[in-house]
């Protein structure tokens, strides 16, 4: 494995973390605002579909027809989920 391939693997991992922070940060913002909006169902659906479509698009771009890239990106995504759970846990 040469250096450029290793750099790409790290890039995929950190991109997955970015996608995860976007997805779960958006989820946290949606849940925190749900009681103060007039139509919470609309907010929930729009937020879900927006986060899902943009996250899947990011996974697709990063994957670049290579399943290893997808797995590394998914590992970064799951690490971001774990970090968000630990950071935003109620006291």
Protein backbone atom coordinates (compact mmCIF):
# COMPACT_ATOMS: atom_id res chain seq x y z
CA UNK A 1 0.00 0.00 0.00
CA UNK A 2 1.66 3.21 -1.12
CA UNK A 3 1.47 6.59 0.59
CA UNK A 4 -1.13 8.08 -1.72
CA UNK A 5 -3.49 5.15 -1.09
CA UNK A 6 -2.96 5.50 2.65
CA UNK A 7 -3.70 9.23 2.39
CA UNK A 8 -6.92 8.41 0.53
CA UNK A 9 -7.94 5.94 3.28
CA UNK A 10 -7.42 8.60 5.96
CA UNK A 11 -9.34 11.10 3.83
CA UNK A 12 -12.24 8.66 3.53
CA UNK A 13 -12.22 8.11 7.29
CA UNK A 14 -12.28 11.83 8.11
CA UNK A 15 -14.89 12.48 5.43
CA UNK A 16 -17.02 9.80 7.06
CA UNK A 17 -16.58 11.56 10.39
CA UNK A 18 -17.69 14.80 8.74
CA UNK A 19 -20.76 13.14 7.28
CA UNK A 20 -21.52 11.62 10.68
CA UNK A 21 -21.16 14.95 12.46
CA UNK A 22 -23.45 16.52 9.86
CA UNK A 23 -26.05 13.75 10.15
CA UNK A 24 -26.13 13.38 13.92
CA UNK A 25 -25.63 17.09 14.57
CA UNK A 26 -28.64 17.76 12.35
CA UNK A 27 -30.59 15.11 14.21
CA UNK A 28 -29.69 16.72 17.54
CA UNK A 29 -30.75 20.15 16.26
CA UNK A 30 -34.04 18.73 14.98
CA UNK A 31 -34.85 16.99 18.25
CA UNK A 32 -33.95 20.06 20.29
CA UNK A 33 -36.25 22.30 18.19
CA UNK A 34 -39.16 19.89 17.80
CA UNK A 35 -41.19 21.27 20.72
CA UNK A 36 -40.93 24.89 19.61
CA UNK A 37 -42.08 24.60 15.99
CA UNK A 38 -45.61 24.84 14.72
CA UNK A 39 -45.54 21.68 12.61
CA UNK A 40 -43.15 19.17 14.19
CA UNK A 41 -44.01 16.39 11.73
CA UNK A 42 -42.95 18.54 8.79
CA UNK A 43 -39.70 19.46 10.52
CA UNK A 44 -39.01 15.80 11.30
CA UNK A 45 -39.66 14.59 7.77
CA UNK A 46 -37.78 17.38 6.01
CA UNK A 47 -34.83 17.01 8.36
CA UNK A 48 -34.76 13.22 7.97
CA UNK A 49 -34.92 13.27 4.19
CA UNK A 50 -32.44 16.13 3.86
CA UNK A 51 -29.89 14.51 6.17
CA UNK A 52 -30.34 11.10 4.57
CA UNK A 53 -30.07 12.26 0.96
CA UNK A 54 -27.01 14.44 1.60
CA UNK A 55 -25.30 11.73 3.65
CA UNK A 56 -25.92 9.04 1.05
CA UNK A 57 -24.69 11.39 -1.67
CA UNK A 58 -21.51 11.96 0.35
CA UNK A 59 -21.01 8.21 0.82
CA UNK A 60 -21.51 7.67 -2.90
CA UNK A 61 -18.96 10.33 -3.85
CA UNK A 62 -16.39 9.05 -1.40
CA UNK A 63 -16.95 5.40 -2.29
CA UNK A 64 -15.61 5.93 -5.83
CA UNK A 65 -16.67 2.37 -6.82
CA UNK A 66 -14.47 0.83 -4.15
CA UNK A 67 -16.08 -0.99 -1.23
CA UNK A 68 -13.02 -0.49 0.99
CA UNK A 69 -13.50 3.28 0.75
CA UNK A 70 -17.12 2.82 1.75
CA UNK A 71 -16.22 0.69 4.78
CA UNK A 72 -13.59 3.17 5.95
CA UNK A 73 -16.04 6.03 5.48
CA UNK A 74 -18.67 4.10 7.41
CA UNK A 75 -16.18 3.53 10.25
CA UNK A 76 -15.65 7.29 10.47
CA UNK A 77 -19.42 7.83 10.40
CA UNK A 78 -19.91 5.39 13.29
CA UNK A 79 -17.07 6.95 15.28
CA UNK A 80 -18.76 10.34 14.87
CA UNK A 81 -21.99 8.77 16.16
CA UNK A 82 -20.16 7.40 19.18
CA UNK A 83 -18.57 10.80 19.89
CA UNK A 84 -21.91 12.60 19.59
CA UNK A 85 -23.58 10.13 21.96
CA UNK A 86 -20.82 10.63 24.55
CA UNK A 87 -20.79 14.43 24.21
CA UNK A 88 -24.54 15.07 24.16
CA UNK A 89 -25.59 12.59 26.83
CA UNK A 90 -27.90 14.24 29.39
CA UNK A 91 -26.37 14.88 32.79
